[in-house]
N, C-alpha and C. Protein backbone atom coordinates (compact mmCIF):
# COMPACT_ATOMS: atom_id res chain seq x y z
N UNK A 1 0.84 -1.18 0.00
CA UNK A 1 0.00 0.00 0.00
C UNK A 1 0.88 1.24 0.00
N UNK A 2 0.46 2.25 -0.72
CA UNK A 2 1.17 3.53 -0.77
C UNK A 2 0.50 4.54 0.16
N UNK A 3 1.21 5.59 0.50
CA UNK A 3 0.70 6.66 1.34
C UNK A 3 -0.47 7.34 0.63
N UNK A 4 -1.63 7.41 1.27
CA UNK A 4 -2.77 8.09 0.64
C UNK A 4 -2.46 9.57 0.36
N UNK A 5 -2.91 10.06 -0.77
CA UNK A 5 -2.74 11.46 -1.17
C UNK A 5 -1.27 11.91 -1.13
N UNK A 6 -0.38 10.99 -1.45
CA UNK A 6 1.06 11.26 -1.38
C UNK A 6 1.48 12.44 -2.26
N UNK A 7 0.80 12.64 -3.35
CA UNK A 7 1.15 13.75 -4.25
C UNK A 7 0.99 15.10 -3.56
N UNK A 8 0.21 15.14 -2.49
CA UNK A 8 0.00 16.39 -1.74
C UNK A 8 0.80 16.44 -0.44
N UNK A 9 1.74 15.51 -0.25
CA UNK A 9 2.50 15.41 0.99
C UNK A 9 3.26 16.71 1.28
N UNK A 10 3.28 17.08 2.56
CA UNK A 10 3.89 18.33 2.99
C UNK A 10 5.03 18.05 3.97
N UNK A 11 6.16 18.69 3.71
CA UNK A 11 7.32 18.61 4.60
C UNK A 11 7.66 20.05 5.00
N UNK A 12 7.47 20.37 6.27
CA UNK A 12 7.71 21.73 6.75
C UNK A 12 9.20 22.00 6.94
N UNK A 13 9.65 23.16 6.47
CA UNK A 13 11.05 23.54 6.60
C UNK A 13 11.52 23.59 8.04
N UNK A 14 10.65 24.06 8.94
CA UNK A 14 11.01 24.12 10.35
C UNK A 14 11.28 22.75 10.94
N UNK A 15 10.52 21.76 10.50
CA UNK A 15 10.72 20.38 10.98
C UNK A 15 12.08 19.86 10.50
N UNK A 16 12.42 20.18 9.25
CA UNK A 16 13.67 19.70 8.67
C UNK A 16 14.87 20.38 9.33
N UNK A 17 14.86 21.72 9.36
CA UNK A 17 16.01 22.46 9.87
C UNK A 17 16.10 22.41 11.40
N UNK A 18 14.98 22.57 12.08
CA UNK A 18 15.00 22.66 13.53
C UNK A 18 14.99 21.33 14.26
N UNK A 19 14.78 20.25 13.51
CA UNK A 19 14.68 18.94 14.16
C UNK A 19 15.54 17.89 13.46
N UNK A 20 15.17 17.52 12.24
CA UNK A 20 15.84 16.40 11.56
C UNK A 20 17.29 16.68 11.18
N UNK A 21 17.64 17.93 10.93
CA UNK A 21 19.02 18.25 10.56
C UNK A 21 19.72 19.10 11.62
N UNK A 22 19.15 19.17 12.84
CA UNK A 22 19.73 20.00 13.89
C UNK A 22 20.64 19.18 14.81
N UNK A 23 21.92 19.49 14.84
CA UNK A 23 22.83 18.78 15.75
C UNK A 23 22.61 19.19 17.21
N UNK A 24 21.76 20.20 17.45
CA UNK A 24 21.52 20.71 18.80
C UNK A 24 20.19 20.25 19.39
N UNK A 25 19.32 19.70 18.58
CA UNK A 25 18.02 19.25 19.09
C UNK A 25 18.21 17.96 19.89
N UNK A 26 17.70 17.90 21.13
CA UNK A 26 17.93 16.71 21.96
C UNK A 26 17.43 15.41 21.34
N UNK A 27 16.31 15.45 20.64
CA UNK A 27 15.78 14.23 20.01
C UNK A 27 16.23 14.08 18.56
N UNK A 28 16.61 15.18 17.93
CA UNK A 28 16.95 15.14 16.51
C UNK A 28 18.41 14.99 16.19
N UNK A 29 19.29 15.20 17.16
CA UNK A 29 20.73 15.22 16.83
C UNK A 29 21.26 13.91 16.27
N UNK A 30 20.73 12.77 16.72
CA UNK A 30 21.21 11.50 16.15
C UNK A 30 20.70 11.35 14.71
N UNK A 31 19.51 11.87 14.44
CA UNK A 31 18.98 11.84 13.08
C UNK A 31 19.80 12.78 12.19
N UNK A 32 20.15 13.93 12.74
CA UNK A 32 20.97 14.89 11.98
C UNK A 32 22.33 14.27 11.63
N UNK A 33 22.92 13.54 12.57
CA UNK A 33 24.20 12.89 12.29
C UNK A 33 24.03 11.84 11.19
N UNK A 34 22.96 11.06 11.26
CA UNK A 34 22.71 10.03 10.26
C UNK A 34 22.51 10.65 8.87
N UNK A 35 21.57 11.57 8.76
CA UNK A 35 21.28 12.16 7.46
C UNK A 35 22.42 13.03 6.95
N UNK A 36 23.13 13.69 7.86
CA UNK A 36 24.29 14.49 7.48
C UNK A 36 25.41 13.64 6.89
N UNK A 37 25.56 12.42 7.38
CA UNK A 37 26.59 11.52 6.86
C UNK A 37 26.35 11.15 5.40
N UNK A 38 25.12 11.34 4.92
CA UNK A 38 24.78 11.04 3.53
C UNK A 38 24.77 12.31 2.67
N UNK A 39 25.16 13.44 3.25
CA UNK A 39 25.30 14.67 2.48
C UNK A 39 24.20 15.69 2.64
N UNK A 40 23.19 15.44 3.48
CA UNK A 40 22.14 16.43 3.70
C UNK A 40 22.61 17.44 4.73
N UNK A 41 22.19 18.72 4.56
CA UNK A 41 22.56 19.75 5.52
C UNK A 41 21.50 20.84 5.57
N UNK A 42 21.48 21.63 6.64
CA UNK A 42 20.45 22.66 6.81
C UNK A 42 20.50 23.76 5.76
N UNK A 43 21.66 24.02 5.18
CA UNK A 43 21.78 25.08 4.17
C UNK A 43 20.94 24.74 2.94
N UNK A 44 20.95 23.49 2.54
CA UNK A 44 20.17 23.05 1.37
C UNK A 44 19.04 22.13 1.83
N UNK A 45 18.29 22.56 2.83
CA UNK A 45 17.25 21.75 3.44
C UNK A 45 16.16 21.35 2.44
N UNK A 46 15.94 22.18 1.41
CA UNK A 46 14.90 21.87 0.42
C UNK A 46 15.20 20.57 -0.31
N UNK A 47 16.49 20.27 -0.52
CA UNK A 47 16.90 19.02 -1.15
C UNK A 47 16.47 17.83 -0.28
N UNK A 48 16.67 17.96 1.02
CA UNK A 48 16.27 16.90 1.95
C UNK A 48 14.74 16.77 1.99
N UNK A 49 14.04 17.90 2.03
CA UNK A 49 12.57 17.87 2.05
C UNK A 49 12.03 17.17 0.81
N UNK A 50 12.62 17.45 -0.35
CA UNK A 50 12.18 16.80 -1.59
C UNK A 50 12.46 15.30 -1.56
N UNK A 51 13.60 14.92 -1.00
CA UNK A 51 13.94 13.49 -0.91
C UNK A 51 12.99 12.77 0.05
N UNK A 52 12.62 13.42 1.14
CA UNK A 52 11.65 12.83 2.08
C UNK A 52 10.29 12.66 1.42
N UNK A 53 9.85 13.67 0.70
CA UNK A 53 8.57 13.61 -0.02
C UNK A 53 8.60 12.48 -1.05
N UNK A 54 9.69 12.37 -1.76
CA UNK A 54 9.84 11.32 -2.78
C UNK A 54 9.79 9.94 -2.13
N UNK A 55 10.48 9.77 -1.01
CA UNK A 55 10.46 8.49 -0.30
C UNK A 55 9.05 8.16 0.17
N UNK A 56 8.33 9.16 0.66
CA UNK A 56 6.96 8.95 1.10
C UNK A 56 6.02 8.55 -0.02
N UNK A 57 6.30 9.04 -1.21
CA UNK A 57 5.49 8.72 -2.38
C UNK A 57 5.79 7.33 -2.93
N UNK A 58 7.07 6.96 -2.96
CA UNK A 58 7.48 5.70 -3.58
C UNK A 58 7.52 4.52 -2.62
N UNK A 59 7.74 4.78 -1.33
CA UNK A 59 7.87 3.71 -0.34
C UNK A 59 6.56 3.01 -0.05
N UNK A 60 6.65 1.94 0.69
CA UNK A 60 5.48 1.14 1.06
C UNK A 60 5.08 1.44 2.50
N UNK A 61 3.78 1.57 2.73
CA UNK A 61 3.28 1.75 4.09
C UNK A 61 3.53 0.47 4.87
N UNK A 62 4.23 0.59 6.00
CA UNK A 62 4.57 -0.57 6.83
C UNK A 62 3.66 -0.67 8.04
N UNK A 63 3.09 0.46 8.47
CA UNK A 63 2.23 0.45 9.66
C UNK A 63 1.27 1.62 9.59
N UNK A 64 0.08 1.42 10.17
CA UNK A 64 -0.94 2.45 10.24
C UNK A 64 -1.46 2.48 11.68
N UNK A 65 -1.61 3.67 12.23
CA UNK A 65 -2.15 3.83 13.58
C UNK A 65 -3.10 5.02 13.59
N UNK A 66 -4.23 4.85 14.24
CA UNK A 66 -5.22 5.92 14.32
C UNK A 66 -5.28 6.44 15.74
N UNK A 67 -5.35 7.77 15.86
CA UNK A 67 -5.46 8.39 17.18
C UNK A 67 -6.40 9.58 17.07
N UNK A 68 -6.57 10.30 18.17
CA UNK A 68 -7.42 11.48 18.16
C UNK A 68 -6.85 12.57 17.25
N UNK A 69 -5.56 12.49 16.90
CA UNK A 69 -4.91 13.49 16.08
C UNK A 69 -5.01 13.22 14.58
N UNK A 70 -5.33 12.00 14.22
CA UNK A 70 -5.42 11.62 12.82
C UNK A 70 -4.88 10.22 12.60
N UNK A 71 -4.64 9.89 11.34
CA UNK A 71 -4.11 8.57 11.00
C UNK A 71 -2.64 8.72 10.66
N UNK A 72 -1.81 7.92 11.34
CA UNK A 72 -0.36 7.97 11.17
C UNK A 72 0.07 6.80 10.28
N UNK A 73 0.88 7.12 9.28
CA UNK A 73 1.40 6.12 8.33
C UNK A 73 2.91 6.08 8.42
N UNK A 74 3.46 4.89 8.65
CA UNK A 74 4.90 4.69 8.61
C UNK A 74 5.24 4.11 7.24
N UNK A 75 6.15 4.77 6.54
CA UNK A 75 6.50 4.38 5.18
C UNK A 75 7.98 3.98 5.14
N UNK A 76 8.25 2.78 4.65
CA UNK A 76 9.61 2.28 4.54
C UNK A 76 10.07 2.33 3.08
N UNK A 77 11.32 2.69 2.88
CA UNK A 77 11.87 2.70 1.54
C UNK A 77 13.22 3.39 1.49
N UNK A 78 13.77 3.44 0.33
CA UNK A 78 15.08 4.05 0.08
C UNK A 78 14.90 5.55 -0.11
N UNK A 79 15.84 6.31 0.44
CA UNK A 79 15.85 7.75 0.22
C UNK A 79 17.07 8.08 -0.64
N UNK A 80 16.86 8.89 -1.67
CA UNK A 80 17.97 9.29 -2.53
C UNK A 80 18.76 10.39 -1.85
N UNK A 81 20.07 10.18 -1.75
CA UNK A 81 20.94 11.09 -1.00
C UNK A 81 21.96 11.76 -1.91
N UNK A 82 22.50 12.90 -1.47
CA UNK A 82 23.51 13.59 -2.28
C UNK A 82 24.73 12.74 -2.58
N UNK A 83 25.12 11.85 -1.66
CA UNK A 83 26.32 11.05 -1.93
C UNK A 83 26.03 9.75 -2.67
N UNK A 84 24.76 9.47 -2.95
CA UNK A 84 24.39 8.32 -3.76
C UNK A 84 24.33 6.98 -3.05
N UNK A 85 24.53 6.95 -1.74
CA UNK A 85 24.48 5.66 -1.04
C UNK A 85 23.06 5.19 -0.75
N UNK A 86 22.11 6.11 -0.68
CA UNK A 86 20.68 5.81 -0.64
C UNK A 86 20.25 4.74 0.38
N UNK A 87 20.30 5.08 1.67
CA UNK A 87 19.92 4.11 2.71
C UNK A 87 18.41 3.90 2.79
N UNK A 88 18.02 2.82 3.43
CA UNK A 88 16.61 2.59 3.73
C UNK A 88 16.26 3.41 4.97
N UNK A 89 15.15 4.11 4.90
CA UNK A 89 14.67 4.90 6.03
C UNK A 89 13.18 4.67 6.22
N UNK A 90 12.71 5.09 7.37
CA UNK A 90 11.27 5.10 7.64
C UNK A 90 10.87 6.55 7.83
N UNK A 91 9.86 6.98 7.06
CA UNK A 91 9.25 8.28 7.28
C UNK A 91 7.90 8.04 7.94
N UNK A 92 7.47 8.99 8.76
CA UNK A 92 6.19 8.87 9.44
C UNK A 92 5.38 10.11 9.11
N UNK A 93 4.16 9.88 8.65
CA UNK A 93 3.27 10.93 8.18
C UNK A 93 1.97 10.88 8.95
N UNK A 94 1.30 12.03 9.08
CA UNK A 94 -0.02 12.04 9.69
C UNK A 94 -0.99 12.71 8.71
N UNK A 95 -2.18 12.16 8.65
CA UNK A 95 -3.26 12.76 7.87
C UNK A 95 -4.39 13.05 8.84
N UNK A 96 -4.74 14.33 8.92
CA UNK A 96 -5.83 14.75 9.79
C UNK A 96 -7.08 14.90 8.92
N UNK A 97 -8.10 14.09 9.21
CA UNK A 97 -9.33 14.15 8.43
C UNK A 97 -9.07 13.88 6.96
N UNK A 98 -9.52 14.81 6.12
CA UNK A 98 -9.34 14.68 4.67
C UNK A 98 -8.14 15.49 4.17
N UNK A 99 -7.25 15.89 5.09
CA UNK A 99 -6.12 16.72 4.72
C UNK A 99 -5.02 15.96 4.00
N UNK A 100 -3.94 16.70 3.74
CA UNK A 100 -2.80 16.09 3.06
C UNK A 100 -1.87 15.47 4.10
N UNK A 101 -1.04 14.52 3.68
CA UNK A 101 -0.06 13.92 4.59
C UNK A 101 0.96 14.98 5.01
N UNK A 102 1.29 15.00 6.29
CA UNK A 102 2.28 15.92 6.83
C UNK A 102 3.35 15.09 7.53
N UNK A 103 4.62 15.36 7.20
CA UNK A 103 5.72 14.62 7.80
C UNK A 103 5.81 14.87 9.30
N UNK A 104 5.92 13.79 10.06
CA UNK A 104 6.14 13.88 11.51
C UNK A 104 7.62 13.69 11.81
N UNK A 105 8.20 12.63 11.25
CA UNK A 105 9.61 12.35 11.51
C UNK A 105 10.17 11.41 10.45
N UNK A 106 11.45 11.21 10.51
CA UNK A 106 12.15 10.25 9.65
C UNK A 106 13.33 9.72 10.45
N UNK A 107 13.68 8.47 10.21
CA UNK A 107 14.81 7.87 10.90
C UNK A 107 15.32 6.68 10.10
N UNK A 108 16.53 6.20 10.43
CA UNK A 108 17.05 5.03 9.72
C UNK A 108 16.10 3.85 9.89
N UNK A 109 16.02 3.04 8.87
CA UNK A 109 15.23 1.81 8.97
C UNK A 109 15.87 0.92 10.01
N UNK A 110 15.06 0.17 10.71
CA UNK A 110 15.60 -0.75 11.71
C UNK A 110 15.97 -2.09 11.10
N UNK A 111 15.75 -2.23 9.81
CA UNK A 111 16.13 -3.46 9.13
C UNK A 111 17.65 -3.57 9.05
N UNK A 112 18.15 -4.78 8.94
CA UNK A 112 19.60 -4.99 8.90
C UNK A 112 20.27 -4.34 7.71
N UNK A 113 19.53 -4.14 6.61
CA UNK A 113 20.14 -3.58 5.40
C UNK A 113 19.99 -2.06 5.34
N UNK A 114 19.83 -1.39 6.49
CA UNK A 114 19.54 0.04 6.53
C UNK A 114 20.58 0.89 5.80
N UNK A 115 21.83 0.50 5.78
CA UNK A 115 22.86 1.31 5.14
C UNK A 115 23.21 0.88 3.75
N UNK A 116 22.47 -0.03 3.17
CA UNK A 116 22.79 -0.53 1.83
C UNK A 116 21.80 -0.03 0.82
N UNK A 117 22.25 0.05 -0.42
CA UNK A 117 21.37 0.45 -1.52
C UNK A 117 20.61 -0.71 -2.08
């Protein structure tokens, strides 16, 4: 299954710069180190946002959870990186009502092949 309404997926710049690529964020710094090792950085955050959107569109939904906030979709797949190593990652999206998917987080896949293309 693919992410519903993936063509309308939204990745907020503040989430990317202030969390996923921030070496100073208490919860995001390990993610920043991981994604930074593949060539992503806050200066060109739009490149990372586009890669996350692309992964959300092409990857497969691995889990779905419903809460009072909306429906959360975990999407597994390869992300295209500036250095071309393209690791497997999991992106997590939320859809509130009939809205578009909004990125919540991204992290390395927990599968053994997480660092391989």
